[in-house]
Amino acid sequence: MGFWDTVRALIFGENEGISPCTFPLPPETVCPVHGVDLRVGKVWIEYGLYCFSDDFVEAQSARFPWANSRVMGGCIIRHGVPGRVDVKYCPECRESEKAYWREQQDR
């Protein structure tokens, strides 16, 4: 199953046997915002239901779409799922995300 097939399966509830630890990496190789090569690294799976502000969602889309600093695991922790998974990320996006959070603290 390819990346977009897996995304569709997760969105439409056909996700039997798919977990964050088996989720394939997307095919993209370059950050569209910063023009740098994406890297692969491990991040923590964070569990719970998160609600992000419109400001954060807009900033993420415009300034750091490939930060991928965490993976949202939903509200159910499954036995046997590792705590960390591989993601593709842009190092410049991660720096931009850190700058965003510093700006929020200064408000």
PDB file of N, CA and C in Angstrom:
ATOM      1  N   MET A   1       0.855  -1.179   0.000  1.00  0.00           N
ATOM      2  CA  MET A   1       0.000   0.000   0.000  1.00  0.00           C
ATOM      3  C   MET A   1       0.892   1.229   0.000  1.00  0.00           C
ATOM      4  N   GLY A   2       0.645   2.149  -0.920  1.00  0.00           N
ATOM      5  CA  GLY A   2       1.435   3.364  -1.024  1.00  0.00           C
ATOM      6  C   GLY A   2       1.016   4.404  -0.005  1.00  0.00           C
ATOM      7  N   PHE A   3       1.770   5.488   0.041  1.00  0.00           N
ATOM      8  CA  PHE A   3       1.523   6.549   1.017  1.00  0.00           C
ATOM      9  C   PHE A   3       0.104   7.096   0.941  1.00  0.00           C
ATOM     10  N   TRP A   4      -0.332   7.546  -0.251  1.00  0.00           N
ATOM     11  CA  TRP A   4      -1.646   8.182  -0.359  1.00  0.00           C
ATOM     12  C   TRP A   4      -2.779   7.176  -0.169  1.00  0.00           C
ATOM     13  N   ASP A   5      -2.553   5.909  -0.545  1.00  0.00           N
ATOM     14  CA  ASP A   5      -3.546   4.870  -0.257  1.00  0.00           C
ATOM     15  C   ASP A   5      -3.719   4.709   1.250  1.00  0.00           C
ATOM     16  N   THR A   6      -2.603   4.759   1.963  1.00  0.00           N
ATOM     17  CA  THR A   6      -2.656   4.640   3.420  1.00  0.00           C
ATOM     18  C   THR A   6      -3.366   5.829   4.037  1.00  0.00           C
ATOM     19  N   VAL A   7      -3.080   7.028   3.539  1.00  0.00           N
ATOM     20  CA  VAL A   7      -3.758   8.232   4.045  1.00  0.00           C
ATOM     21  C   VAL A   7      -5.262   8.100   3.848  1.00  0.00           C
ATOM     22  N   ARG A   8      -5.678   7.707   2.641  1.00  0.00           N
ATOM     23  CA  ARG A   8      -7.112   7.537   2.382  1.00  0.00           C
ATOM     24  C   ARG A   8      -7.717   6.488   3.306  1.00  0.00           C
ATOM     25  N   ALA A   9      -6.999   5.402   3.527  1.00  0.00           N
ATOM     26  CA  ALA A   9      -7.502   4.342   4.401  1.00  0.00           C
ATOM     27  C   ALA A   9      -7.691   4.861   5.825  1.00  0.00           C
ATOM     28  N   LEU A  10      -6.734   5.662   6.305  1.00  0.00           N
ATOM     29  CA  LEU A  10      -6.852   6.214   7.653  1.00  0.00           C
ATOM     30  C   LEU A  10      -8.007   7.204   7.748  1.00  0.00           C
ATOM     31  N   ILE A  11      -8.162   8.048   6.738  1.00  0.00           N
ATOM     32  CA  ILE A  11      -9.230   9.058   6.750  1.00  0.00           C
ATOM     33  C   ILE A  11     -10.603   8.401   6.690  1.00  0.00           C
ATOM     34  N   PHE A  12     -10.743   7.400   5.848  1.00  0.00           N
ATOM     35  CA  PHE A  12     -12.053   6.791   5.638  1.00  0.00           C
ATOM     36  C   PHE A  12     -12.303   5.557   6.498  1.00  0.00           C
ATOM     37  N   GLY A  13     -11.442   5.336   7.478  1.00  0.00           N
ATOM     38  CA  GLY A  13     -11.697   4.302   8.458  1.00  0.00           C
ATOM     39  C   GLY A  13     -11.360   2.885   8.034  1.00  0.00           C
ATOM     40  N   GLU A  14     -10.648   2.739   6.954  1.00  0.00           N
ATOM     41  CA  GLU A  14     -10.260   1.401   6.503  1.00  0.00           C
ATOM     42  C   GLU A  14      -8.839   1.130   6.984  1.00  0.00           C
ATOM     43  N   ASN A  15      -8.608   1.319   8.269  1.00  0.00           N
ATOM     44  CA  ASN A  15      -7.244   1.320   8.775  1.00  0.00           C
ATOM     45  C   ASN A  15      -6.882   0.089   9.597  1.00  0.00           C
ATOM     46  N   GLU A  16      -7.544  -1.003   9.370  1.00  0.00           N
ATOM     47  CA  GLU A  16      -7.195  -2.226  10.088  1.00  0.00           C
ATOM     48  C   GLU A  16      -5.741  -2.592   9.781  1.00  0.00           C
ATOM     49  N   GLY A  17      -4.949  -2.739  10.810  1.00  0.00           N
ATOM     50  CA  GLY A  17      -3.558  -3.130  10.620  1.00  0.00           C
ATOM     51  C   GLY A  17      -2.610  -1.982  10.339  1.00  0.00           C
ATOM     52  N   ILE A  18      -3.112  -0.752  10.255  1.00  0.00           N
ATOM     53  CA  ILE A  18      -2.246   0.399  10.018  1.00  0.00           C
ATOM     54  C   ILE A  18      -2.081   1.136  11.344  1.00  0.00           C
ATOM     55  N   SER A  19      -0.861   1.361  11.732  1.00  0.00           N
ATOM     56  CA  SER A  19      -0.591   2.119  12.945  1.00  0.00           C
ATOM     57  C   SER A  19       0.522   3.107  12.623  1.00  0.00           C
ATOM     58  N   PRO A  20       0.797   4.065  13.521  1.00  0.00           N
ATOM     59  CA  PRO A  20       1.874   5.018  13.239  1.00  0.00           C
ATOM     60  C   PRO A  20       3.205   4.332  12.962  1.00  0.00           C
ATOM     61  N   CYS A  21       3.418   3.149  13.541  1.00  0.00           N
ATOM     62  CA  CYS A  21       4.716   2.501  13.342  1.00  0.00           C
ATOM     63  C   CYS A  21       4.819   1.849  11.965  1.00  0.00           C
ATOM     64  N   THR A  22       3.703   1.670  11.242  1.00  0.00           N
ATOM     65  CA  THR A  22       3.763   1.093   9.907  1.00  0.00           C
ATOM     66  C   THR A  22       3.419   2.112   8.837  1.00  0.00           C
ATOM     67  N   PHE A  23       3.155   3.345   9.241  1.00  0.00           N
ATOM     68  CA  PHE A  23       2.767   4.395   8.309  1.00  0.00           C
ATOM     69  C   PHE A  23       3.953   4.707   7.402  1.00  0.00           C
ATOM     70  N   PRO A  24       3.786   4.623   6.082  1.00  0.00           N
ATOM     71  CA  PRO A  24       4.930   4.864   5.188  1.00  0.00           C
ATOM     72  C   PRO A  24       5.315   6.334   5.134  1.00  0.00           C
ATOM     73  N   LEU A  25       6.571   6.586   4.815  1.00  0.00           N
ATOM     74  CA  LEU A  25       7.032   7.963   4.656  1.00  0.00           C
ATOM     75  C   LEU A  25       6.493   8.528   3.350  1.00  0.00           C
ATOM     76  N   PRO A  26       6.130   9.810   3.331  1.00  0.00           N
ATOM     77  CA  PRO A  26       5.608  10.421   2.094  1.00  0.00           C
ATOM     78  C   PRO A  26       6.683  10.485   1.016  1.00  0.00           C
ATOM     79  N   PRO A  27       6.261  10.606  -0.248  1.00  0.00           N
ATOM     80  CA  PRO A  27       7.236  10.588  -1.349  1.00  0.00           C
ATOM     81  C   PRO A  27       8.028  11.884  -1.522  1.00  0.00           C
ATOM     82  N   GLU A  28       7.580  12.995  -0.943  1.00  0.00           N
ATOM     83  CA  GLU A  28       8.260  14.278  -1.124  1.00  0.00           C
ATOM     84  C   GLU A  28       9.715  14.191  -0.628  1.00  0.00           C
ATOM     85  N   THR A  29      10.598  14.947  -1.283  1.00  0.00           N
ATOM     86  CA  THR A  29      12.013  14.933  -0.919  1.00  0.00           C
ATOM     87  C   THR A  29      12.572  16.315  -0.610  1.00  0.00           C
ATOM     88  N   VAL A  30      11.826  17.390  -0.974  1.00  0.00           N
ATOM     89  CA  VAL A  30      12.307  18.758  -0.783  1.00  0.00           C
ATOM     90  C   VAL A  30      11.213  19.587  -0.114  1.00  0.00           C
ATOM     91  N   CYS A  31      11.592  20.417   0.850  1.00  0.00           N
ATOM     92  CA  CYS A  31      10.641  21.317   1.510  1.00  0.00           C
ATOM     93  C   CYS A  31      10.202  22.395   0.524  1.00  0.00           C
ATOM     94  N   PRO A  32       8.888  22.565   0.310  1.00  0.00           N
ATOM     95  CA  PRO A  32       8.417  23.579  -0.631  1.00  0.00           C
ATOM     96  C   PRO A  32       8.610  25.014  -0.134  1.00  0.00           C
ATOM     97  N   VAL A  33       8.780  25.194   1.161  1.00  0.00           N
ATOM     98  CA  VAL A  33       8.953  26.540   1.722  1.00  0.00           C
ATOM     99  C   VAL A  33      10.419  26.956   1.717  1.00  0.00           C
ATOM    100  N   HIS A  34      11.296  26.066   2.149  1.00  0.00           N
ATOM    101  CA  HIS A  34      12.705  26.418   2.306  1.00  0.00           C
ATOM    102  C   HIS A  34      13.605  25.876   1.197  1.00  0.00           C
ATOM    103  N   GLY A  35      13.104  24.971   0.381  1.00  0.00           N
ATOM    104  CA  GLY A  35      13.881  24.449  -0.731  1.00  0.00           C
ATOM    105  C   GLY A  35      15.048  23.574  -0.341  1.00  0.00           C
ATOM    106  N   VAL A  36      15.010  23.020   0.876  1.00  0.00           N
ATOM    107  CA  VAL A  36      16.099  22.136   1.320  1.00  0.00           C
ATOM    108  C   VAL A  36      15.624  20.688   1.317  1.00  0.00           C
ATOM    109  N   ASP A  37      16.585  19.768   1.224  1.00  0.00           N
ATOM    110  CA  ASP A  37      16.255  18.347   1.244  1.00  0.00           C
ATOM    111  C   ASP A  37      15.658  17.955   2.588  1.00  0.00           C
ATOM    112  N   LEU A  38      14.618  17.124   2.524  1.00  0.00           N
ATOM    113  CA  LEU A  38      14.025  16.592   3.745  1.00  0.00           C
ATOM    114  C   LEU A  38      14.937  15.517   4.302  1.00  0.00           C
ATOM    115  N   ARG A  39      14.946  15.409   5.621  1.00  0.00           N
ATOM    116  CA  ARG A  39      15.726  14.381   6.317  1.00  0.00           C
ATOM    117  C   ARG A  39      14.757  13.388   6.952  1.00  0.00           C
ATOM    118  N   VAL A  40      15.284  12.280   7.393  1.00  0.00           N
ATOM    119  CA  VAL A  40      14.488  11.294   8.114  1.00  0.00           C
ATOM    120  C   VAL A  40      15.018  11.217   9.540  1.00  0.00           C
ATOM    121  N   GLY A  41      14.102  11.256  10.502  1.00  0.00           N
ATOM    122  CA  GLY A  41      14.485  11.164  11.901  1.00  0.00           C
ATOM    123  C   GLY A  41      13.331  10.635  12.725  1.00  0.00           C
ATOM    124  N   LYS A  42      13.612  10.269  13.957  1.00  0.00           N
ATOM    125  CA  LYS A  42      12.586   9.737  14.856  1.00  0.00           C
ATOM    126  C   LYS A  42      11.994  10.855  15.710  1.00  0.00           C
ATOM    127  N   VAL A  43      10.684  10.770  15.932  1.00  0.00           N
ATOM    128  CA  VAL A  43       9.991  11.700  16.828  1.00  0.00           C
ATOM    129  C   VAL A  43       9.070  10.909  17.744  1.00  0.00           C
ATOM    130  N   TRP A  44       8.666  11.528  18.814  1.00  0.00           N
ATOM    131  CA  TRP A  44       7.751  10.899  19.761  1.00  0.00           C
ATOM    132  C   TRP A  44       6.327  10.899  19.216  1.00  0.00           C
ATOM    133  N   ILE A  45       5.595   9.856  19.522  1.00  0.00           N
ATOM    134  CA  ILE A  45       4.155   9.825  19.263  1.00  0.00           C
ATOM    135  C   ILE A  45       3.501  10.456  20.480  1.00  0.00           C
ATOM    136  N   GLU A  46       2.688  11.479  20.271  1.00  0.00           N
ATOM    137  CA  GLU A  46       1.992  12.148  21.367  1.00  0.00           C
ATOM    138  C   GLU A  46       0.530  11.746  21.338  1.00  0.00           C
ATOM    139  N   TYR A  47       0.044  11.295  22.467  1.00  0.00           N
ATOM    140  CA  TYR A  47      -1.337  10.824  22.552  1.00  0.00           C
ATOM    141  C   TYR A  47      -2.211  11.860  23.238  1.00  0.00           C
ATOM    142  N   GLY A  48      -3.469  11.895  22.851  1.00  0.00           N
ATOM    143  CA  GLY A  48      -4.435  12.835  23.384  1.00  0.00           C
ATOM    144  C   GLY A  48      -5.131  13.549  22.240  1.00  0.00           C
ATOM    145  N   LEU A  49      -6.129  14.309  22.581  1.00  0.00           N
ATOM    146  CA  LEU A  49      -6.849  15.084  21.575  1.00  0.00           C
ATOM    147  C   LEU A  49      -6.369  16.523  21.672  1.00  0.00           C
ATOM    148  N   TYR A  50      -5.795  17.019  20.598  1.00  0.00           N
ATOM    149  CA  TYR A  50      -5.223  18.351  20.570  1.00  0.00           C
ATOM    150  C   TYR A  50      -6.122  19.293  19.784  1.00  0.00           C
ATOM    151  N   CYS A  51      -6.164  20.531  20.227  1.00  0.00           N
ATOM    152  CA  CYS A  51      -6.898  21.569  19.513  1.00  0.00           C
ATOM    153  C   CYS A  51      -5.919  22.725  19.309  1.00  0.00           C
ATOM    154  N   PHE A  52      -5.557  22.981  18.056  1.00  0.00           N
ATOM    155  CA  PHE A  52      -4.606  24.044  17.751  1.00  0.00           C
ATOM    156  C   PHE A  52      -5.353  25.296  17.309  1.00  0.00           C
ATOM    157  N   SER A  53      -4.799  26.439  17.650  1.00  0.00           N
ATOM    158  CA  SER A  53      -5.421  27.715  17.270  1.00  0.00           C
ATOM    159  C   SER A  53      -5.328  27.916  15.759  1.00  0.00           C
ATOM    160  N   ASP A  54      -6.212  28.748  15.246  1.00  0.00           N
ATOM    161  CA  ASP A  54      -6.166  29.087  13.821  1.00  0.00           C
ATOM    162  C   ASP A  54      -4.824  29.728  13.472  1.00  0.00           C
ATOM    163  N   ASP A  55      -4.298  30.535  14.388  1.00  0.00           N
ATOM    164  CA  ASP A  55      -3.013  31.192  14.167  1.00  0.00           C
ATOM    165  C   ASP A  55      -1.908  30.148  13.969  1.00  0.00           C
ATOM    166  N   PHE A  56      -1.893  29.115  14.809  1.00  0.00           N
ATOM    167  CA  PHE A  56      -0.886  28.068  14.680  1.00  0.00           C
ATOM    168  C   PHE A  56      -1.035  27.323  13.360  1.00  0.00           C
ATOM    169  N   VAL A  57      -2.258  26.966  13.015  1.00  0.00           N
ATOM    170  CA  VAL A  57      -2.503  26.212  11.772  1.00  0.00           C
ATOM    171  C   VAL A  57      -2.043  27.021  10.562  1.00  0.00           C
ATOM    172  N   GLU A  58      -2.334  28.323  10.552  1.00  0.00           N
ATOM    173  CA  GLU A  58      -1.898  29.179   9.449  1.00  0.00           C
ATOM    174  C   GLU A  58      -0.377  29.301   9.410  1.00  0.00           C
ATOM    175  N   ALA A  59       0.243  29.490  10.582  1.00  0.00           N
ATOM    176  CA  ALA A  59       1.700  29.608  10.635  1.00  0.00           C
ATOM    177  C   ALA A  59       2.360  28.300  10.201  1.00  0.00           C
ATOM    178  N   GLN A  60       1.809  27.196  10.640  1.00  0.00           N
ATOM    179  CA  GLN A  60       2.373  25.895  10.261  1.00  0.00           C
ATOM    180  C   GLN A  60       2.332  25.717   8.746  1.00  0.00           C
ATOM    181  N   SER A  61       1.229  26.044   8.148  1.00  0.00           N
ATOM    182  CA  SER A  61       1.075  25.899   6.705  1.00  0.00           C
ATOM    183  C   SER A  61       2.033  26.808   5.934  1.00  0.00           C
ATOM    184  N   ALA A  62       2.221  28.023   6.402  1.00  0.00           N
ATOM    185  CA  ALA A  62       3.023  28.999   5.678  1.00  0.00           C
ATOM    186  C   ALA A  62       4.508  28.952   6.018  1.00  0.00           C
ATOM    187  N   ARG A  63       4.828  28.676   7.287  1.00  0.00           N
ATOM    188  CA  ARG A  63       6.209  28.824   7.750  1.00  0.00           C
ATOM    189  C   ARG A  63       6.940  27.523   8.045  1.00  0.00           C
ATOM    190  N   PHE A  64       6.225  26.485   8.478  1.00  0.00           N
ATOM    191  CA  PHE A  64       6.927  25.250   8.862  1.00  0.00           C
ATOM    192  C   PHE A  64       6.092  23.990   8.609  1.00  0.00           C
ATOM    193  N   PRO A  65       5.681  23.804   7.338  1.00  0.00           N
ATOM    194  CA  PRO A  65       4.826  22.652   7.036  1.00  0.00           C
ATOM    195  C   PRO A  65       5.508  21.291   7.199  1.00  0.00           C
ATOM    196  N   TRP A  66       6.821  21.261   7.132  1.00  0.00           N
ATOM    197  CA  TRP A  66       7.544  19.987   7.240  1.00  0.00           C
ATOM    198  C   TRP A  66       8.362  19.913   8.523  1.00  0.00           C
ATOM    199  N   ALA A  67       7.939  20.598   9.586  1.00  0.00           N
ATOM    200  CA  ALA A  67       8.651  20.486  10.861  1.00  0.00           C
ATOM    201  C   ALA A  67       8.513  19.061  11.403  1.00  0.00           C
ATOM    202  N   ASN A  68       7.291  18.546  11.354  1.00  0.00           N
ATOM    203  CA  ASN A  68       7.037  17.173  11.817  1.00  0.00           C
ATOM    204  C   ASN A  68       7.774  16.866  13.118  1.00  0.00           C
ATOM    205  N   SER A  69       7.620  17.740  14.092  1.00  0.00           N
ATOM    206  CA  SER A  69       8.298  17.593  15.380  1.00  0.00           C
ATOM    207  C   SER A  69       7.673  16.517  16.259  1.00  0.00           C
ATOM    208  N   ARG A  70       6.483  16.099  15.883  1.00  0.00           N
ATOM    209  CA  ARG A  70       5.763  15.082  16.659  1.00  0.00           C
ATOM    210  C   ARG A  70       4.779  14.386  15.733  1.00  0.00           C
ATOM    211  N   VAL A  71       4.320  13.220  16.164  1.00  0.00           N
ATOM    212  CA  VAL A  71       3.254  12.507  15.471  1.00  0.00           C
ATOM    213  C   VAL A  71       2.090  12.415  16.444  1.00  0.00           C
ATOM    214  N   MET A  72       0.917  12.810  16.004  1.00  0.00           N
ATOM    215  CA  MET A  72      -0.261  12.725  16.849  1.00  0.00           C
ATOM    216  C   MET A  72      -0.822  11.308  16.775  1.00  0.00           C
ATOM    217  N   GLY A  73      -0.894  10.663  17.931  1.00  0.00           N
ATOM    218  CA  GLY A  73      -1.322   9.274  17.979  1.00  0.00           C
ATOM    219  C   GLY A  73      -2.785   9.089  18.321  1.00  0.00           C
ATOM    220  N   GLY A  74      -3.533  10.184  18.460  1.00  0.00           N
ATOM    221  CA  GLY A  74      -4.938  10.056  18.828  1.00  0.00           C
ATOM    222  C   GLY A  74      -5.088   9.846  20.324  1.00  0.00           C
ATOM    223  N   CYS A  75      -6.262   9.390  20.721  1.00  0.00           N
ATOM    224  CA  CYS A  75      -6.541   9.288  22.158  1.00  0.00           C
ATOM    225  C   CYS A  75      -6.424   7.860  22.687  1.00  0.00           C
ATOM    226  N   ILE A  76      -6.126   6.899  21.826  1.00  0.00           N
ATOM    227  CA  ILE A  76      -6.018   5.517  22.276  1.00  0.00           C
ATOM    228  C   ILE A  76      -4.576   5.057  22.127  1.00  0.00           C
ATOM    229  N   ILE A  77      -3.973   4.657  23.243  1.00  0.00           N
ATOM    230  CA  ILE A  77      -2.619   4.133  23.213  1.00  0.00           C
ATOM    231  C   ILE A  77      -2.719   2.623  23.014  1.00  0.00           C
ATOM    232  N   ARG A  78      -2.183   2.154  21.908  1.00  0.00           N
ATOM    233  CA  ARG A  78      -2.251   0.730  21.597  1.00  0.00           C
ATOM    234  C   ARG A  78      -1.043   0.008  22.170  1.00  0.00           C
ATOM    235  N   HIS A  79      -1.267  -1.131  22.745  1.00  0.00           N
ATOM    236  CA  HIS A  79      -0.193  -1.952  23.278  1.00  0.00           C
ATOM    237  C   HIS A  79       0.714  -2.395  22.132  1.00  0.00           C
ATOM    238  N   GLY A  80       2.000  -2.297  22.322  1.00  0.00           N
ATOM    239  CA  GLY A  80       2.946  -2.763  21.324  1.00  0.00           C
ATOM    240  C   GLY A  80       3.368  -1.720  20.306  1.00  0.00           C
ATOM    241  N   VAL A  81       2.731  -0.556  20.305  1.00  0.00           N
ATOM    242  CA  VAL A  81       3.128   0.505  19.372  1.00  0.00           C
ATOM    243  C   VAL A  81       4.324   1.223  19.987  1.00  0.00           C
ATOM    244  N   PRO A  82       5.397   1.410  19.216  1.00  0.00           N
ATOM    245  CA  PRO A  82       6.573   2.072  19.785  1.00  0.00           C
ATOM    246  C   PRO A  82       6.282   3.517  20.149  1.00  0.00           C
ATOM    247  N   GLY A  83       7.098   4.072  21.025  1.00  0.00           N
ATOM    248  CA  GLY A  83       6.918   5.457  21.443  1.00  0.00           C
ATOM    249  C   GLY A  83       7.429   6.468  20.438  1.00  0.00           C
ATOM    250  N   ARG A  84       8.292   6.019  19.521  1.00  0.00           N
ATOM    251  CA  ARG A  84       8.865   6.923  18.523  1.00  0.00           C
ATOM    252  C   ARG A  84       8.734   6.292  17.135  1.00  0.00           C
ATOM    253  N   VAL A  85       8.604   7.156  16.122  1.00  0.00           N
ATOM    254  CA  VAL A  85       8.482   6.692  14.738  1.00  0.00           C
ATOM    255  C   VAL A  85       9.338   7.570  13.823  1.00  0.00           C
ATOM    256  N   ASP A  86       9.637   7.048  12.642  1.00  0.00           N
ATOM    257  CA  ASP A  86      10.376   7.811  11.635  1.00  0.00           C
ATOM    258  C   ASP A  86       9.451   8.784  10.925  1.00  0.00           C
ATOM    259  N   VAL A  87       9.949   9.993  10.681  1.00  0.00           N
ATOM    260  CA  VAL A  87       9.234  11.007   9.893  1.00  0.00           C
ATOM    261  C   VAL A  87      10.236  11.681   8.964  1.00  0.00           C
ATOM    262  N   LYS A  88       9.721  12.273   7.902  1.00  0.00           N
ATOM    263  CA  LYS A  88      10.535  13.179   7.093  1.00  0.00           C
ATOM    264  C   LYS A  88      10.342  14.571   7.662  1.00  0.00           C
ATOM    265  N   TYR A  89      11.440  15.350   7.697  1.00  0.00           N
ATOM    266  CA  TYR A  89      11.337  16.704   8.228  1.00  0.00           C
ATOM    267  C   TYR A  89      12.334  17.626   7.537  1.00  0.00           C
ATOM    268  N   CYS A  90      12.038  18.908   7.629  1.00  0.00           N
ATOM    269  CA  CYS A  90      12.921  19.954   7.125  1.00  0.00           C
ATOM    270  C   CYS A  90      13.563  20.638   8.339  1.00  0.00           C
ATOM    271  N   PRO A  91      14.892  20.677   8.419  1.00  0.00           N
ATOM    272  CA  PRO A  91      15.529  21.331   9.559  1.00  0.00           C
ATOM    273  C   PRO A  91      15.200  22.822   9.655  1.00  0.00           C
ATOM    274  N   GLU A  92      15.012  23.475   8.516  1.00  0.00           N
ATOM    275  CA  GLU A  92      14.652  24.893   8.531  1.00  0.00           C
ATOM    276  C   GLU A  92      13.233  25.092   9.062  1.00  0.00           C
ATOM    277  N   CYS A  93      12.328  24.172   8.737  1.00  0.00           N
ATOM    278  CA  CYS A  93      10.966  24.234   9.279  1.00  0.00           C
ATOM    279  C   CYS A  93      10.992  24.096  10.795  1.00  0.00           C
ATOM    280  N   ARG A  94      11.832  23.200  11.291  1.00  0.00           N
ATOM    281  CA  ARG A  94      11.912  23.019  12.740  1.00  0.00           C
ATOM    282  C   ARG A  94      12.410  24.285  13.427  1.00  0.00           C
ATOM    283  N   GLU A  95      13.372  24.961  12.822  1.00  0.00           N
ATOM    284  CA  GLU A  95      13.847  26.227  13.393  1.00  0.00           C
ATOM    285  C   GLU A  95      12.751  27.280  13.344  1.00  0.00           C
ATOM    286  N   SER A  96      12.001  27.317  12.257  1.00  0.00           N
ATOM    287  CA  SER A  96      10.901  28.269  12.127  1.00  0.00           C
ATOM    288  C   SER A  96       9.801  27.983  13.145  1.00  0.00           C
ATOM    289  N   GLU A  97       9.540  26.706  13.404  1.00  0.00           N
ATOM    290  CA  GLU A  97       8.540  26.343  14.413  1.00  0.00           C
ATOM    291  C   GLU A  97       8.999  26.795  15.798  1.00  0.00           C
ATOM    292  N   LYS A  98      10.271  26.594  16.112  1.00  0.00           N
ATOM    293  CA  LYS A  98      10.804  27.055  17.410  1.00  0.00           C
ATOM    294  C   LYS A  98      10.660  28.567  17.538  1.00  0.00           C
ATOM    295  N   ALA A  99      10.943  29.280  16.446  1.00  0.00           N
ATOM    296  CA  ALA A  99      10.806  30.746  16.458  1.00  0.00           C
ATOM    297  C   ALA A  99       9.353  31.141  16.695  1.00  0.00           C
ATOM    298  N   TYR A 100       8.423  30.421  16.076  1.00  0.00           N
ATOM    299  CA  TYR A 100       6.994  30.698  16.278  1.00  0.00           C
ATOM    300  C   TYR A 100       6.643  30.579  17.765  1.00  0.00           C
ATOM    301  N   TRP A 101       7.086  29.488  18.409  1.00  0.00           N
ATOM    302  CA  TRP A 101       6.743  29.296  19.824  1.00  0.00           C
ATOM    303  C   TRP A 101       7.401  30.354  20.702  1.00  0.00           C
ATOM    304  N   ARG A 102       8.616  30.796  20.347  1.00  0.00           N
ATOM    305  CA  ARG A 102       9.250  31.899  21.097  1.00  0.00           C
ATOM    306  C   ARG A 102       8.431  33.176  20.949  1.00  0.00           C
ATOM    307  N   GLU A 103       7.937  33.442  19.732  1.00  0.00           N
ATOM    308  CA  GLU A 103       7.100  34.629  19.507  1.00  0.00           C
ATOM    309  C   GLU A 103       5.828  34.559  20.360  1.00  0.00           C
ATOM    310  N   GLN A 104       5.265  33.374  20.515  1.00  0.00           N
ATOM    311  CA  GLN A 104       4.051  33.231  21.311  1.00  0.00           C
ATOM    312  C   GLN A 104       4.329  33.510  22.787  1.00  0.00           C
ATOM    313  N   GLN A 105       5.505  33.127  23.268  1.00  0.00           N
ATOM    314  CA  GLN A 105       5.860  33.382  24.666  1.00  0.00           C
ATOM    315  C   GLN A 105       6.048  34.856  24.928  1.00  0.00           C
ATOM    316  N   ASP A 106       6.494  35.590  23.904  1.00  0.00           N
ATOM    317  CA  ASP A 106       6.758  37.029  24.054  1.00  0.00           C
ATOM    318  C   ASP A 106       5.489  37.864  23.988  1.00  0.00           C
ATOM    319  N   ARG A 107       4.374  37.251  23.633  1.00  0.00           N
ATOM    320  CA  ARG A 107       3.118  38.011  23.524  1.00  0.00           C
ATOM    321  C   ARG A 107       2.565  38.391  24.868  1.00  0.00           C
TER     322      ARG A 107
END
